[in-house]
C-alpha atoms as a PDB file:
ATOM      1  CA  MET A   1     -11.207  -6.299   8.542  1.00  0.00           C
ATOM      2  CA  ILE A   2     -10.337  -9.957   8.175  1.00  0.00           C
ATOM      3  CA  ASN A   3     -13.174 -12.276   9.131  1.00  0.00           C
ATOM      4  CA  SER A   4     -12.165 -13.971  12.383  1.00  0.00           C
ATOM      5  CA  GLY A   5     -13.895 -17.151  11.235  1.00  0.00           C
ATOM      6  CA  MET A   6     -11.402 -17.623   8.404  1.00  0.00           C
ATOM      7  CA  ASP A   7      -8.953 -20.499   8.463  1.00  0.00           C
ATOM      8  CA  SER A   8      -5.661 -19.446  10.087  1.00  0.00           C
ATOM      9  CA  ALA A   9      -3.604 -20.948   7.240  1.00  0.00           C
ATOM     10  CA  PHE A  10      -5.590 -18.838   4.767  1.00  0.00           C
ATOM     11  CA  ILE A  11      -5.045 -15.698   6.847  1.00  0.00           C
ATOM     12  CA  LYS A  12      -1.309 -16.366   7.039  1.00  0.00           C
ATOM     13  CA  LYS A  13      -1.148 -16.854   3.270  1.00  0.00           C
ATOM     14  CA  LEU A  14      -3.093 -13.626   2.769  1.00  0.00           C
ATOM     15  CA  LEU A  15      -0.662 -11.756   5.020  1.00  0.00           C
ATOM     16  CA  VAL A  16       2.377 -13.200   3.244  1.00  0.00           C
ATOM     17  CA  LEU A  17       0.972 -12.205  -0.146  1.00  0.00           C
ATOM     18  CA  TYR A  18       0.188  -8.708   1.072  1.00  0.00           C
ATOM     19  CA  ALA A  19       3.699  -8.248   2.475  1.00  0.00           C
ATOM     20  CA  GLU A  20       5.300  -9.513  -0.737  1.00  0.00           C
ATOM     21  CA  ASP A  21       3.128  -7.267  -2.905  1.00  0.00           C
ATOM     22  CA  ALA A  22       3.651  -4.257  -0.631  1.00  0.00           C
ATOM     23  CA  ASP A  23       7.406  -4.713  -0.868  1.00  0.00           C
ATOM     24  CA  LEU A  24       7.177  -4.645  -4.667  1.00  0.00           C
ATOM     25  CA  ASP A  25       4.788  -1.702  -4.533  1.00  0.00           C
ATOM     26  CA  ILE A  26       7.326   0.314  -2.548  1.00  0.00           C
ATOM     27  CA  THR A  27       9.788  -0.055  -5.410  1.00  0.00           C
ATOM     28  CA  VAL A  28       7.122   0.934  -7.933  1.00  0.00           C
ATOM     29  CA  LEU A  29       6.076   3.969  -5.871  1.00  0.00           C
ATOM     30  CA  LYS A  30       9.658   5.203  -5.736  1.00  0.00           C
ATOM     31  CA  LYS A  31      10.012   4.721  -9.492  1.00  0.00           C
ATOM     32  CA  ALA A  32       6.750   6.556 -10.171  1.00  0.00           C
ATOM     33  CA  VAL A  33       7.851   9.604  -8.198  1.00  0.00           C
ATOM     34  CA  LYS A  34      11.370   9.563  -9.639  1.00  0.00           C
ATOM     35  CA  ASN A  35       9.958   9.453 -13.185  1.00  0.00           C
ATOM     36  CA  SER A  36       7.042  11.818 -12.466  1.00  0.00           C
ATOM     37  CA  ASP A  37       4.714   9.055 -13.652  1.00  0.00           C
ATOM     38  CA  SER A  38       1.279   9.908 -12.285  1.00  0.00           C
ATOM     39  CA  GLU A  39      -0.367   7.055 -14.210  1.00  0.00           C
ATOM     40  CA  LEU A  40       1.890   4.437 -12.602  1.00  0.00           C
ATOM     41  CA  LEU A  41       1.362   6.042  -9.213  1.00  0.00           C
ATOM     42  CA  ASN A  42      -2.404   5.982  -9.754  1.00  0.00           C
ATOM     43  CA  LYS A  43      -2.446   2.278 -10.654  1.00  0.00           C
ATOM     44  CA  THR A  44      -0.253   1.372  -7.702  1.00  0.00           C
ATOM     45  CA  VAL A  45      -2.218   3.275  -5.067  1.00  0.00           C
ATOM     46  CA  HIS A  46      -5.480   1.933  -6.482  1.00  0.00           C
ATOM     47  CA  LYS A  47      -4.222  -1.607  -5.955  1.00  0.00           C
ATOM     48  CA  LEU A  48      -2.874  -0.754  -2.503  1.00  0.00           C
ATOM     49  CA  LYS A  49      -6.174   0.803  -1.488  1.00  0.00           C
ATOM     50  CA  SER A  50      -8.087  -2.389  -2.182  1.00  0.00           C
ATOM     51  CA  SER A  51      -5.675  -4.859  -0.612  1.00  0.00           C
ATOM     52  CA  SER A  52      -5.026  -2.662   2.423  1.00  0.00           C
ATOM     53  CA  GLU A  53      -8.731  -2.206   3.027  1.00  0.00           C
ATOM     54  CA  LEU A  54      -9.117  -5.978   3.243  1.00  0.00           C
ATOM     55  CA  LEU A  55      -6.560  -6.038   6.070  1.00  0.00           C
ATOM     56  CA  GLY A  56      -7.997  -3.007   7.840  1.00  0.00           C
ATOM     57  CA  LEU A  57      -4.947  -0.801   7.275  1.00  0.00           C
ATOM     58  CA  LYS A  58      -6.909   2.434   7.556  1.00  0.00           C
ATOM     59  CA  GLU A  59      -4.010   4.897   7.224  1.00  0.00           C
ATOM     60  CA  VAL A  60      -2.697   3.168   4.098  1.00  0.00           C
ATOM     61  CA  VAL A  61      -6.209   3.228   2.639  1.00  0.00           C
ATOM     62  CA  LYS A  62      -6.735   6.889   3.519  1.00  0.00           C
ATOM     63  CA  LEU A  63      -3.477   8.003   1.930  1.00  0.00           C
ATOM     64  CA  SER A  64      -4.003   5.746  -1.090  1.00  0.00           C
ATOM     65  CA  VAL A  65      -7.465   7.218  -1.680  1.00  0.00           C
ATOM     66  CA  PHE A  66      -6.027  10.737  -1.498  1.00  0.00           C
ATOM     67  CA  LEU A  67      -3.179   9.949  -3.896  1.00  0.00           C
ATOM     68  CA  GLU A  68      -5.469   8.114  -6.292  1.00  0.00           C
ATOM     69  CA  LYS A  69      -7.811  11.105  -6.470  1.00  0.00           C
ATOM     70  CA  GLU A  70      -4.943  13.532  -6.956  1.00  0.00           C
ATOM     71  CA  THR A  71      -3.313  11.457  -9.691  1.00  0.00           C
ATOM     72  CA  GLU A  72      -6.632  11.137 -11.536  1.00  0.00           C
ATOM     73  CA  ASN A  73      -6.744  14.925 -11.592  1.00  0.00           C
ATOM     74  CA  LYS A  74      -3.165  14.998 -12.921  1.00  0.00           C
ATOM     75  CA  LYS A  75      -1.978  17.242 -10.127  1.00  0.00           C
ATOM     76  CA  ASP A  76       1.642  18.306  -9.896  1.00  0.00           C
ATOM     77  CA  ILE A  77       3.904  15.332  -9.131  1.00  0.00           C
ATOM     78  CA  ILE A  78       5.793  17.479  -6.592  1.00  0.00           C
ATOM     79  CA  LEU A  79       2.769  17.075  -4.329  1.00  0.00           C
ATOM     80  CA  PHE A  80       3.335  13.328  -4.411  1.00  0.00           C
ATOM     81  CA  GLU A  81       6.932  13.689  -3.286  1.00  0.00           C
ATOM     82  CA  LYS A  82       5.503  14.833   0.036  1.00  0.00           C
ATOM     83  CA  TYR A  83       2.970  12.029   0.484  1.00  0.00           C
ATOM     84  CA  VAL A  84       4.534   8.966  -1.155  1.00  0.00           C
ATOM     85  CA  PRO A  85       7.340   8.699   1.443  1.00  0.00           C
ATOM     86  CA  GLU A  86       4.659   8.696   4.142  1.00  0.00           C
ATOM     87  CA  LEU A  87       2.836   5.901   2.326  1.00  0.00           C
ATOM     88  CA  ILE A  88       6.088   3.970   1.980  1.00  0.00           C
ATOM     89  CA  ASP A  89       6.713   4.328   5.725  1.00  0.00           C
ATOM     90  CA  LEU A  90       3.236   2.977   6.456  1.00  0.00           C
ATOM     91  CA  LEU A  91       3.807   0.026   4.129  1.00  0.00           C
ATOM     92  CA  GLU A  92       7.183  -0.749   5.677  1.00  0.00           C
ATOM     93  CA  ASP A  93       5.572  -0.685   9.132  1.00  0.00           C
ATOM     94  CA  ALA A  94       2.826  -3.042   7.924  1.00  0.00           C
ATOM     95  CA  ILE A  95       5.389  -5.434   6.437  1.00  0.00           C
ATOM     96  CA  LYS A  96       7.323  -5.416   9.708  1.00  0.00           C
ATOM     97  CA  GLU A  97       4.190  -6.082  11.771  1.00  0.00           C
ATOM     98  CA  ILE A  98       3.143  -8.898   9.448  1.00  0.00           C
ATOM     99  CA  SER A  99       6.590 -10.447   9.684  1.00  0.00           C
ATOM    100  CA  GLU A 100       6.530 -10.287  13.481  1.00  0.00           C
ATOM    101  CA  PHE A 101       3.015 -11.737  13.578  1.00  0.00           C
ATOM    102  CA  LEU A 102       3.982 -14.640  11.334  1.00  0.00           C
ATOM    103  CA  LYS A 103       7.025 -15.448  13.507  1.00  0.00           C
ATOM    104  CA  ALA A 104       4.867 -15.700  16.636  1.00  0.00           C
END
């Protein structure tokens, strides 16, 4: 969770960066599934896991951990077609919430 003692300008910048990166990650996740690229999926969810944990996005972290483990084991990419859309939905929700927070 973000330290409440942090400077508000720093927190806003952190949120903006997360939203920008998450938007790019959505595109990469879609590409990884379309191309059955478990290595790309693994790298992307690993990055998401770390940045989402910093912001306390527990569901994104949980799903990212699961997908990272499964991609390390080179499981069938069809499995990911079930879970990646859920992760994308969570990221889109986070981006929307960040946007609304920054407008306030």
